[in-house]
Amino acid sequence: MHIIWWIVVGLLAGWLTGLVMGGPGKGFVLDVVVGLVGALVGGFLMRLIGFRPEGGLVYTVLVAVLGAVLLTWIFRRVTGPKG
C-alpha cells in the first residue's frame, strides 16, 4: 500500500511543480519521477535544517513540491535555454 501513496505523492508533487515552474508537462511517468525525486531532495533538506518527517500527506506533498521545484530550477540552470 505504501507504494501507492508514493505514486500519489509523486504525481501531486510533479503536477504542482509543473504549475509553479511553468512549461509543458512531461507526461505521467516523468511527472511522478520528478515528484518522487523531489520528495527525496526535499526530505533531505528539511531534515538537514532540523524538521522532523511528520505531518501527514499535506506536509509530505509540500516538502516534495519544494524539492521538485528546487530540482527543476537547478536542472534548468544547468541545461540552459534551448534553441
N, C-alpha and C. Protein backbone atom coordinates (compact mmCIF):
# COMPACT_ATOMS: atom_id res chain seq x y z
N MET A 1 0.82 -1.20 0.00
CA MET A 1 0.00 0.00 0.00
C MET A 1 0.86 1.27 0.00
N HIS A 2 2.05 1.18 0.59
CA HIS A 2 2.92 2.36 0.65
C HIS A 2 3.34 2.82 -0.74
N ILE A 3 3.54 1.89 -1.65
CA ILE A 3 3.96 2.26 -2.99
C ILE A 3 2.89 3.11 -3.68
N ILE A 4 1.64 2.83 -3.39
CA ILE A 4 0.54 3.63 -3.97
C ILE A 4 0.61 5.06 -3.45
N TRP A 5 0.88 5.23 -2.15
CA TRP A 5 1.00 6.59 -1.60
C TRP A 5 2.20 7.31 -2.17
N TRP A 6 3.31 6.60 -2.40
CA TRP A 6 4.48 7.21 -3.02
C TRP A 6 4.13 7.72 -4.41
N ILE A 7 3.38 6.92 -5.16
CA ILE A 7 2.99 7.33 -6.51
C ILE A 7 2.04 8.52 -6.45
N VAL A 8 1.11 8.51 -5.51
CA VAL A 8 0.17 9.63 -5.36
C VAL A 8 0.92 10.91 -5.00
N VAL A 9 1.83 10.82 -4.03
CA VAL A 9 2.63 11.98 -3.64
C VAL A 9 3.49 12.45 -4.81
N GLY A 10 4.11 11.53 -5.51
CA GLY A 10 4.94 11.89 -6.66
C GLY A 10 4.13 12.56 -7.75
N LEU A 11 2.96 12.04 -8.03
CA LEU A 11 2.10 12.62 -9.06
C LEU A 11 1.65 14.02 -8.67
N LEU A 12 1.19 14.18 -7.43
CA LEU A 12 0.77 15.51 -6.96
C LEU A 12 1.92 16.50 -6.99
N ALA A 13 3.06 16.07 -6.49
CA ALA A 13 4.23 16.96 -6.45
C ALA A 13 4.70 17.31 -7.85
N GLY A 14 4.73 16.36 -8.76
CA GLY A 14 5.14 16.62 -10.14
C GLY A 14 4.18 17.57 -10.83
N TRP A 15 2.89 17.37 -10.63
CA TRP A 15 1.88 18.23 -11.24
C TRP A 15 1.96 19.64 -10.68
N LEU A 16 2.05 19.76 -9.35
CA LEU A 16 2.15 21.09 -8.73
C LEU A 16 3.44 21.79 -9.13
N THR A 17 4.52 21.06 -9.27
CA THR A 17 5.77 21.66 -9.72
C THR A 17 5.63 22.20 -11.12
N GLY A 18 4.92 21.49 -11.98
CA GLY A 18 4.66 21.98 -13.32
C GLY A 18 3.88 23.28 -13.31
N LEU A 19 2.93 23.40 -12.38
CA LEU A 19 2.16 24.64 -12.27
C LEU A 19 3.02 25.78 -11.76
N VAL A 20 3.86 25.50 -10.77
CA VAL A 20 4.71 26.54 -10.17
C VAL A 20 5.79 26.99 -11.14
N MET A 21 6.44 26.05 -11.80
CA MET A 21 7.58 26.36 -12.65
C MET A 21 7.19 26.71 -14.08
N GLY A 22 5.97 26.41 -14.46
CA GLY A 22 5.53 26.69 -15.82
C GLY A 22 6.09 25.70 -16.82
N GLY A 23 5.65 25.83 -18.03
CA GLY A 23 6.13 24.93 -19.08
C GLY A 23 5.21 23.74 -19.22
N PRO A 24 5.38 23.01 -20.30
CA PRO A 24 4.52 21.85 -20.53
C PRO A 24 4.88 20.70 -19.59
N GLY A 25 3.88 19.88 -19.30
CA GLY A 25 4.13 18.69 -18.51
C GLY A 25 4.97 17.70 -19.31
N LYS A 26 5.60 16.80 -18.62
CA LYS A 26 6.47 15.83 -19.28
C LYS A 26 5.82 14.46 -19.37
N GLY A 27 4.57 14.36 -19.03
CA GLY A 27 3.88 13.08 -19.06
C GLY A 27 3.78 12.48 -17.66
N PHE A 28 2.89 11.53 -17.53
CA PHE A 28 2.58 10.93 -16.23
C PHE A 28 3.81 10.36 -15.54
N VAL A 29 4.56 9.53 -16.24
CA VAL A 29 5.68 8.83 -15.62
C VAL A 29 6.77 9.81 -15.19
N LEU A 30 7.15 10.74 -16.05
CA LEU A 30 8.20 11.69 -15.71
C LEU A 30 7.76 12.65 -14.61
N ASP A 31 6.47 13.04 -14.60
CA ASP A 31 5.96 13.89 -13.52
C ASP A 31 6.06 13.17 -12.18
N VAL A 32 5.73 11.88 -12.17
CA VAL A 32 5.83 11.09 -10.94
C VAL A 32 7.29 10.98 -10.51
N VAL A 33 8.19 10.73 -11.45
CA VAL A 33 9.61 10.61 -11.14
C VAL A 33 10.14 11.92 -10.56
N VAL A 34 9.82 13.04 -11.20
CA VAL A 34 10.25 14.35 -10.69
C VAL A 34 9.70 14.57 -9.28
N GLY A 35 8.44 14.22 -9.07
CA GLY A 35 7.84 14.37 -7.75
C GLY A 35 8.50 13.50 -6.70
N LEU A 36 8.81 12.25 -7.05
CA LEU A 36 9.45 11.34 -6.09
C LEU A 36 10.87 11.77 -5.77
N VAL A 37 11.63 12.13 -6.80
CA VAL A 37 13.00 12.61 -6.55
C VAL A 37 12.95 13.91 -5.76
N GLY A 38 11.98 14.75 -6.08
CA GLY A 38 11.79 15.99 -5.32
C GLY A 38 11.46 15.71 -3.86
N ALA A 39 10.68 14.66 -3.61
CA ALA A 39 10.37 14.29 -2.23
C ALA A 39 11.64 13.88 -1.48
N LEU A 40 12.51 13.14 -2.15
CA LEU A 40 13.76 12.75 -1.51
C LEU A 40 14.64 13.97 -1.24
N VAL A 41 14.77 14.86 -2.22
CA VAL A 41 15.57 16.07 -2.05
C VAL A 41 14.97 16.95 -0.95
N GLY A 42 13.67 17.16 -1.02
CA GLY A 42 13.00 17.99 -0.02
C GLY A 42 13.10 17.40 1.37
N GLY A 43 12.92 16.09 1.48
CA GLY A 43 13.04 15.43 2.78
C GLY A 43 14.44 15.55 3.35
N PHE A 44 15.44 15.39 2.50
CA PHE A 44 16.82 15.52 2.94
C PHE A 44 17.08 16.94 3.44
N LEU A 45 16.64 17.94 2.66
CA LEU A 45 16.86 19.34 3.06
C LEU A 45 16.11 19.69 4.35
N MET A 46 14.91 19.20 4.48
CA MET A 46 14.12 19.50 5.69
C MET A 46 14.79 18.88 6.93
N ARG A 47 15.27 17.65 6.80
CA ARG A 47 15.97 17.03 7.93
C ARG A 47 17.28 17.75 8.23
N LEU A 48 17.93 18.24 7.18
CA LEU A 48 19.19 18.95 7.34
C LEU A 48 19.01 20.24 8.16
N ILE A 49 17.88 20.91 7.99
CA ILE A 49 17.65 22.15 8.74
C ILE A 49 16.86 21.91 10.03
N GLY A 50 16.56 20.65 10.34
CA GLY A 50 16.01 20.33 11.64
C GLY A 50 14.54 19.97 11.72
N PHE A 51 13.84 19.89 10.61
CA PHE A 51 12.43 19.50 10.64
C PHE A 51 12.32 17.99 10.75
N ARG A 52 11.27 17.55 11.42
CA ARG A 52 11.04 16.12 11.57
C ARG A 52 10.10 15.64 10.47
N PRO A 53 10.28 14.43 10.00
CA PRO A 53 9.44 13.92 8.91
C PRO A 53 8.06 13.46 9.40
N GLU A 54 7.31 14.37 9.97
CA GLU A 54 5.96 14.07 10.44
C GLU A 54 5.04 15.16 9.93
N GLY A 55 3.78 14.86 9.81
CA GLY A 55 2.86 15.90 9.41
C GLY A 55 1.80 15.45 8.43
N GLY A 56 1.85 14.22 8.00
CA GLY A 56 0.80 13.72 7.13
C GLY A 56 1.00 14.01 5.66
N LEU A 57 -0.05 13.79 4.91
CA LEU A 57 0.00 13.87 3.46
C LEU A 57 0.27 15.29 2.97
N VAL A 58 -0.36 16.29 3.55
CA VAL A 58 -0.18 17.67 3.10
C VAL A 58 1.28 18.10 3.28
N TYR A 59 1.84 17.83 4.44
CA TYR A 59 3.24 18.17 4.70
C TYR A 59 4.15 17.43 3.71
N THR A 60 3.88 16.17 3.49
CA THR A 60 4.70 15.36 2.58
C THR A 60 4.65 15.92 1.17
N VAL A 61 3.47 16.28 0.70
CA VAL A 61 3.34 16.83 -0.65
C VAL A 61 4.04 18.19 -0.74
N LEU A 62 3.90 19.03 0.28
CA LEU A 62 4.57 20.34 0.26
C LEU A 62 6.09 20.20 0.23
N VAL A 63 6.62 19.28 1.02
CA VAL A 63 8.07 19.03 1.01
C VAL A 63 8.50 18.48 -0.35
N ALA A 64 7.71 17.58 -0.92
CA ALA A 64 8.03 17.02 -2.23
C ALA A 64 8.00 18.11 -3.31
N VAL A 65 7.03 19.01 -3.24
CA VAL A 65 6.96 20.10 -4.21
C VAL A 65 8.16 21.03 -4.05
N LEU A 66 8.51 21.34 -2.81
CA LEU A 66 9.68 22.18 -2.56
C LEU A 66 10.93 21.55 -3.18
N GLY A 67 11.13 20.29 -2.95
CA GLY A 67 12.30 19.59 -3.51
C GLY A 67 12.24 19.51 -5.02
N ALA A 68 11.06 19.25 -5.58
CA ALA A 68 10.92 19.14 -7.03
C ALA A 68 11.11 20.48 -7.72
N VAL A 69 10.62 21.55 -7.11
CA VAL A 69 10.83 22.90 -7.67
C VAL A 69 12.32 23.23 -7.66
N LEU A 70 12.98 22.95 -6.56
CA LEU A 70 14.42 23.21 -6.47
C LEU A 70 15.17 22.37 -7.52
N LEU A 71 14.82 21.12 -7.63
CA LEU A 71 15.45 20.24 -8.61
C LEU A 71 15.22 20.73 -10.04
N THR A 72 14.01 21.14 -10.35
CA THR A 72 13.69 21.65 -11.68
C THR A 72 14.44 22.94 -11.96
N TRP A 73 14.52 23.82 -10.99
CA TRP A 73 15.24 25.08 -11.14
C TRP A 73 16.72 24.83 -11.44
N ILE A 74 17.33 23.93 -10.66
CA ILE A 74 18.74 23.60 -10.88
C ILE A 74 18.93 22.98 -12.26
N PHE A 75 18.04 22.07 -12.64
CA PHE A 75 18.15 21.42 -13.94
C PHE A 75 18.08 22.45 -15.07
N ARG A 76 17.17 23.39 -14.96
CA ARG A 76 17.03 24.42 -15.99
C ARG A 76 18.25 25.33 -16.05
N ARG A 77 18.86 25.61 -14.91
CA ARG A 77 20.06 26.45 -14.90
C ARG A 77 21.25 25.71 -15.53
N VAL A 78 21.36 24.43 -15.26
CA VAL A 78 22.48 23.65 -15.79
C VAL A 78 22.34 23.43 -17.30
N THR A 79 21.13 23.12 -17.75
CA THR A 79 20.95 22.84 -19.17
C THR A 79 20.86 24.11 -20.01
N GLY A 80 20.52 25.23 -19.40
CA GLY A 80 20.45 26.50 -20.14
C GLY A 80 19.27 26.57 -21.07
N PRO A 81 19.10 27.71 -21.72
CA PRO A 81 17.98 27.87 -22.65
C PRO A 81 18.16 27.02 -23.90
N LYS A 82 17.07 26.54 -24.41
CA LYS A 82 17.11 25.72 -25.62
C LYS A 82 16.97 26.62 -26.84
N GLY A 83 17.64 26.26 -27.91
CA GLY A 83 17.47 26.98 -29.16
C GLY A 83 18.59 27.82 -29.44
